[in-house]
N, C-alpha and C. Protein backbone atom coordinates (compact mmCIF):
# COMPACT_ATOMS: atom_id res chain seq x y z
N ILE A 1 1.27 -0.87 -0.05
CA ILE A 1 0.16 -0.19 -0.04
C ILE A 1 0.93 1.31 -0.05
N GLN A 2 0.40 2.35 -1.17
CA GLN A 2 1.69 3.73 -0.78
C GLN A 2 0.32 4.70 -0.82
N ILE A 3 0.87 5.29 0.25
CA ILE A 3 -0.23 6.91 1.11
C ILE A 3 0.82 8.34 -0.07
N LYS A 4 0.05 8.73 -0.71
CA LYS A 4 0.04 9.52 -1.57
C LYS A 4 0.15 10.79 -0.90
N GLY A 5 -1.53 10.99 -0.02
CA GLY A 5 -1.96 12.19 0.19
C GLY A 5 -2.55 11.96 1.71
N ASP A 6 -3.65 12.54 1.61
CA ASP A 6 -3.54 13.21 3.32
C ASP A 6 -5.17 11.18 3.91
N PHE A 7 -4.76 10.37 4.68
CA PHE A 7 -5.64 9.71 4.66
C PHE A 7 -6.10 9.13 6.06
N ASP A 8 -7.05 9.43 6.54
CA ASP A 8 -7.44 9.40 8.02
C ASP A 8 -7.90 7.70 8.85
N GLY A 9 -8.07 7.00 9.30
CA GLY A 9 -8.34 5.89 8.76
C GLY A 9 -7.25 4.53 9.90
N LYS A 10 -7.74 3.33 9.59
CA LYS A 10 -7.22 2.39 9.86
C LYS A 10 -6.29 1.68 8.71
N ILE A 11 -5.01 0.94 8.97
CA ILE A 11 -4.91 0.17 7.41
C ILE A 11 -4.09 -0.96 8.42
N ASN A 12 -4.45 -2.30 8.07
CA ASN A 12 -4.64 -3.40 8.78
C ASN A 12 -3.95 -4.41 7.24
N ASN A 13 -2.41 -4.63 7.36
CA ASN A 13 -2.55 -5.01 5.67
C ASN A 13 -1.03 -5.84 6.58
N GLY A 14 -1.18 -6.95 6.15
CA GLY A 14 0.60 -7.44 6.94
C GLY A 14 1.08 -7.62 5.55
N ASP A 15 1.82 -7.19 4.60
CA ASP A 15 3.33 -6.74 3.77
C ASP A 15 3.56 -5.12 3.96
N GLN A 16 3.58 -4.72 3.46
CA GLN A 16 4.03 -3.55 2.90
C GLN A 16 3.60 -1.94 3.04
N VAL A 17 3.37 -0.55 3.83
CA VAL A 17 2.97 0.03 3.98
C VAL A 17 4.18 0.86 3.86
N LEU A 18 4.25 1.77 2.66
CA LEU A 18 4.90 3.41 1.99
C LEU A 18 4.01 4.42 2.41
N ILE A 19 4.88 5.55 3.17
CA ILE A 19 4.15 6.78 3.05
C ILE A 19 4.84 7.13 2.30
N LEU A 20 4.92 7.71 1.17
CA LEU A 20 5.56 8.92 0.84
C LEU A 20 5.36 10.15 1.34
N SER A 21 6.81 11.14 0.42
CA SER A 21 6.57 11.98 1.09
C SER A 21 5.39 13.25 0.34
N THR A 22 4.47 13.04 -0.03
CA THR A 22 4.06 13.83 0.18
C THR A 22 2.38 12.98 1.38
N GLY A 23 2.72 11.99 1.39
CA GLY A 23 1.90 11.38 2.18
C GLY A 23 1.72 11.98 3.79
N SER A 24 0.17 11.32 4.27
CA SER A 24 0.59 11.70 5.49
C SER A 24 -0.74 10.47 6.20
N LEU A 25 -0.62 9.76 6.82
CA LEU A 25 -1.66 9.21 7.75
C LEU A 25 -1.57 9.60 8.84
N LYS A 26 -3.30 10.04 10.03
CA LYS A 26 -3.49 9.92 10.65
C LYS A 26 -4.53 8.24 11.35
N GLY A 27 -3.75 7.82 11.78
CA GLY A 27 -5.25 6.50 12.51
C GLY A 27 -4.15 5.59 13.18
N GLU A 28 -4.08 4.61 12.16
CA GLU A 28 -3.16 2.60 12.86
C GLU A 28 -3.19 2.72 11.85
N ILE A 29 -1.70 1.46 12.66
CA ILE A 29 -0.65 0.71 11.14
C ILE A 29 -0.40 -0.63 11.76
N THR A 30 -1.24 -1.45 11.07
CA THR A 30 -0.56 -3.25 11.32
C THR A 30 -0.10 -3.79 10.19
N THR A 31 1.37 -3.47 10.09
CA THR A 31 2.18 -3.86 9.09
C THR A 31 3.25 -4.93 8.88
N LYS A 32 3.67 -5.86 8.63
CA LYS A 32 5.07 -5.91 8.27
C LYS A 32 6.13 -5.45 8.64
N SER A 33 5.95 -4.36 7.58
CA SER A 33 6.52 -3.62 7.27
C SER A 33 6.18 -1.90 7.42
N LEU A 34 7.12 -0.97 7.24
CA LEU A 34 6.39 0.68 7.44
C LEU A 34 7.37 1.43 7.24
N GLU A 35 7.69 2.27 6.04
CA GLU A 35 8.28 2.95 5.56
C GLU A 35 7.85 4.31 5.16
N ILE A 36 8.71 4.87 6.31
CA ILE A 36 8.11 6.64 5.83
C ILE A 36 8.97 7.90 5.73
N TYR A 37 8.45 8.31 4.77
CA TYR A 37 9.11 9.71 3.65
C TYR A 37 8.19 10.94 4.88
N GLY A 38 6.58 10.40 4.75
CA GLY A 38 5.44 12.10 4.61
C GLY A 38 5.96 11.75 6.35
N ILE A 39 4.62 11.74 6.67
CA ILE A 39 3.96 12.16 8.05
C ILE A 39 3.11 10.89 8.91
N VAL A 40 3.11 10.60 9.71
CA VAL A 40 2.05 8.98 10.22
C VAL A 40 2.03 10.02 12.24
N GLU A 41 0.68 9.83 11.87
CA GLU A 41 0.67 10.33 13.27
C GLU A 41 -0.69 9.05 14.07
N GLY A 42 -0.27 8.23 15.17
CA GLY A 42 -1.09 7.61 15.88
C GLY A 42 -0.32 6.88 16.54
N ASN A 43 -1.16 4.91 16.32
CA ASN A 43 -1.09 4.23 16.45
C ASN A 43 -0.21 2.89 15.83
N VAL A 44 1.22 2.92 15.51
CA VAL A 44 1.89 1.76 14.72
C VAL A 44 2.48 0.34 15.26
N THR A 45 1.90 -0.57 14.06
CA THR A 45 2.51 -1.81 14.90
C THR A 45 3.08 -2.45 13.97
N ALA A 46 4.62 -2.74 13.79
CA ALA A 46 4.77 -2.99 12.62
C ALA A 46 6.04 -3.61 12.46
N LYS A 47 6.51 -5.09 12.12
CA LYS A 47 8.25 -6.12 12.15
C LYS A 47 9.17 -4.87 12.07
N ASN A 48 9.07 -4.64 10.95
CA ASN A 48 10.02 -3.69 10.40
C ASN A 48 9.82 -2.54 9.66
N LEU A 49 10.42 -1.17 10.72
CA LEU A 49 9.96 0.42 10.55
C LEU A 49 11.09 0.83 10.70
N LEU A 50 11.36 1.27 9.10
CA LEU A 50 11.79 2.34 8.67
C LEU A 50 11.65 4.18 8.34
N ILE A 51 12.37 5.01 9.37
CA ILE A 51 12.11 6.61 8.88
C ILE A 51 12.85 7.12 8.22
N ARG A 52 13.12 7.47 7.25
CA ARG A 52 13.61 8.11 5.83
C ARG A 52 14.33 10.07 6.46
N SER A 53 15.01 10.06 6.16
CA SER A 53 15.41 11.64 6.36
C SER A 53 13.98 12.88 6.89
N SER A 54 13.27 12.13 5.41
CA SER A 54 12.09 13.66 5.58
C SER A 54 10.58 13.02 6.59
N GLY A 55 10.95 11.84 7.02
CA GLY A 55 10.09 10.99 7.75
C GLY A 55 9.53 11.82 8.99
N GLN A 56 8.12 11.34 9.66
CA GLN A 56 7.90 11.62 11.05
C GLN A 56 6.85 11.28 11.37
N LEU A 57 7.33 10.43 12.61
CA LEU A 57 6.72 9.52 13.66
C LEU A 57 5.71 10.03 14.50
N ARG A 58 5.56 10.58 14.84
CA ARG A 58 4.06 10.61 15.60
C ARG A 58 3.76 10.06 16.27
N TYR A 59 3.64 9.25 17.73
CA TYR A 59 2.76 7.52 17.77
C TYR A 59 2.05 8.50 18.91
N ASP A 60 1.29 7.51 18.96
CA ASP A 60 0.87 7.37 21.08
C ASP A 60 0.81 5.89 21.68
N ASN A 61 0.72 4.14 20.40
CA ASN A 61 1.13 3.50 21.42
C ASN A 61 2.25 2.72 19.87
N LEU A 62 3.48 2.26 19.92
CA LEU A 62 3.91 2.35 19.03
C LEU A 62 4.98 0.82 18.96
N VAL A 63 4.88 -0.23 18.67
CA VAL A 63 5.12 -1.80 19.04
C VAL A 63 6.37 -2.06 17.32
N TYR A 64 7.42 -2.69 17.43
CA TYR A 64 8.38 -3.12 16.35
C TYR A 64 9.75 -3.58 16.74
N ASN A 65 9.84 -4.60 15.50
CA ASN A 65 11.22 -5.42 16.20
C ASN A 65 12.24 -4.67 15.40
N ASP A 66 12.58 -4.25 14.85
CA ASP A 66 13.06 -3.93 14.19
C ASP A 66 13.01 -2.48 13.36
N LEU A 67 13.82 -1.63 14.14
CA LEU A 67 13.89 -0.08 14.01
C LEU A 67 15.17 1.26 13.33
N PHE A 68 14.58 1.75 12.56
CA PHE A 68 16.10 2.31 11.98
C PHE A 68 15.10 3.96 11.15
N VAL A 69 16.67 4.90 12.03
CA VAL A 69 16.17 6.51 11.76
C VAL A 69 17.34 6.68 11.10
N GLU A 70 17.05 7.46 9.67
CA GLU A 70 17.77 7.94 9.30
C GLU A 70 17.93 9.17 9.87
N GLU A 71 18.85 9.89 9.83
CA GLU A 71 19.00 10.77 10.11
C GLU A 71 18.22 12.37 9.71
N GLY A 72 18.00 13.27 10.50
CA GLY A 72 16.79 14.14 9.43
C GLY A 72 15.49 13.05 10.13
N GLY A 73 15.44 11.87 10.85
CA GLY A 73 14.03 11.78 10.80
C GLY A 73 13.45 11.97 12.06
N ILE A 74 12.23 11.72 12.38
CA ILE A 74 11.75 12.48 13.46
C ILE A 74 10.78 11.23 13.72
N LEU A 75 10.88 10.83 15.81
CA LEU A 75 10.10 9.88 15.96
C LEU A 75 9.84 10.58 17.34
N VAL A 76 8.58 10.80 17.82
CA VAL A 76 8.34 11.60 18.94
C VAL A 76 6.64 10.58 19.07
N GLN A 77 7.36 10.86 20.47
CA GLN A 77 5.68 10.56 21.01
C GLN A 77 4.45 11.59 21.61
N ALA A 78 3.53 11.29 20.48
CA ALA A 78 2.56 12.07 21.49
C ALA A 78 1.51 12.20 22.34
N GLY A 79 1.47 13.69 22.91
CA GLY A 79 0.75 13.20 23.87
C GLY A 79 1.73 14.64 24.73
N GLY A 80 3.24 14.36 25.42
CA GLY A 80 3.75 14.48 25.79
C GLY A 80 3.36 15.51 27.31
N ARG A 81 3.74 16.56 27.27
CA ARG A 81 3.68 17.73 28.57
C ARG A 81 2.12 18.60 27.48
N ARG A 82 1.21 18.61 29.10
CA ARG A 82 0.36 19.91 28.52
C ARG A 82 0.67 20.94 28.93
N SER A 83 0.36 22.58 28.35
CA SER A 83 1.07 24.02 28.98
C SER A 83 -0.52 24.34 29.71
N GLN A 84 -0.29 24.50 30.98
CA GLN A 84 -1.62 25.63 31.72
C GLN A 84 -0.62 27.01 31.43
N GLU A 85 -1.93 28.05 30.92
CA GLU A 85 -1.25 29.28 31.19
C GLU A 85 -1.84 29.22 32.75
N THR A 86 -0.78 30.17 33.43
CA THR A 86 -0.92 30.89 34.48
C THR A 86 -1.58 32.39 34.74
N ARG A 87 -2.79 32.14 35.88
CA ARG A 87 -3.34 34.08 36.04
C ARG A 87 -2.93 34.49 36.96
N ASP A 88 -3.04 36.14 36.87
CA ASP A 88 -2.65 36.45 38.23
C ASP A 88 -3.28 36.87 38.79
């Protein structure tokens, strides 16, 4: 499966998912191989995960066997801290 544009939803594919540089996925992916040139946000389960230098993965839950991130690639857990304004 190749994602070239914007996709919101769930992909459950046994083989390979490729997110091209023009592609973005928001949702959930389960696959043997995931290669990211674009942007992925959500839950990811992949045996082999490759984030290219132009790729970004912002995940809630991440399960993988092998992970490789090229220099410049972004891997970050979503959610993080929440800031609150203080009032005087």
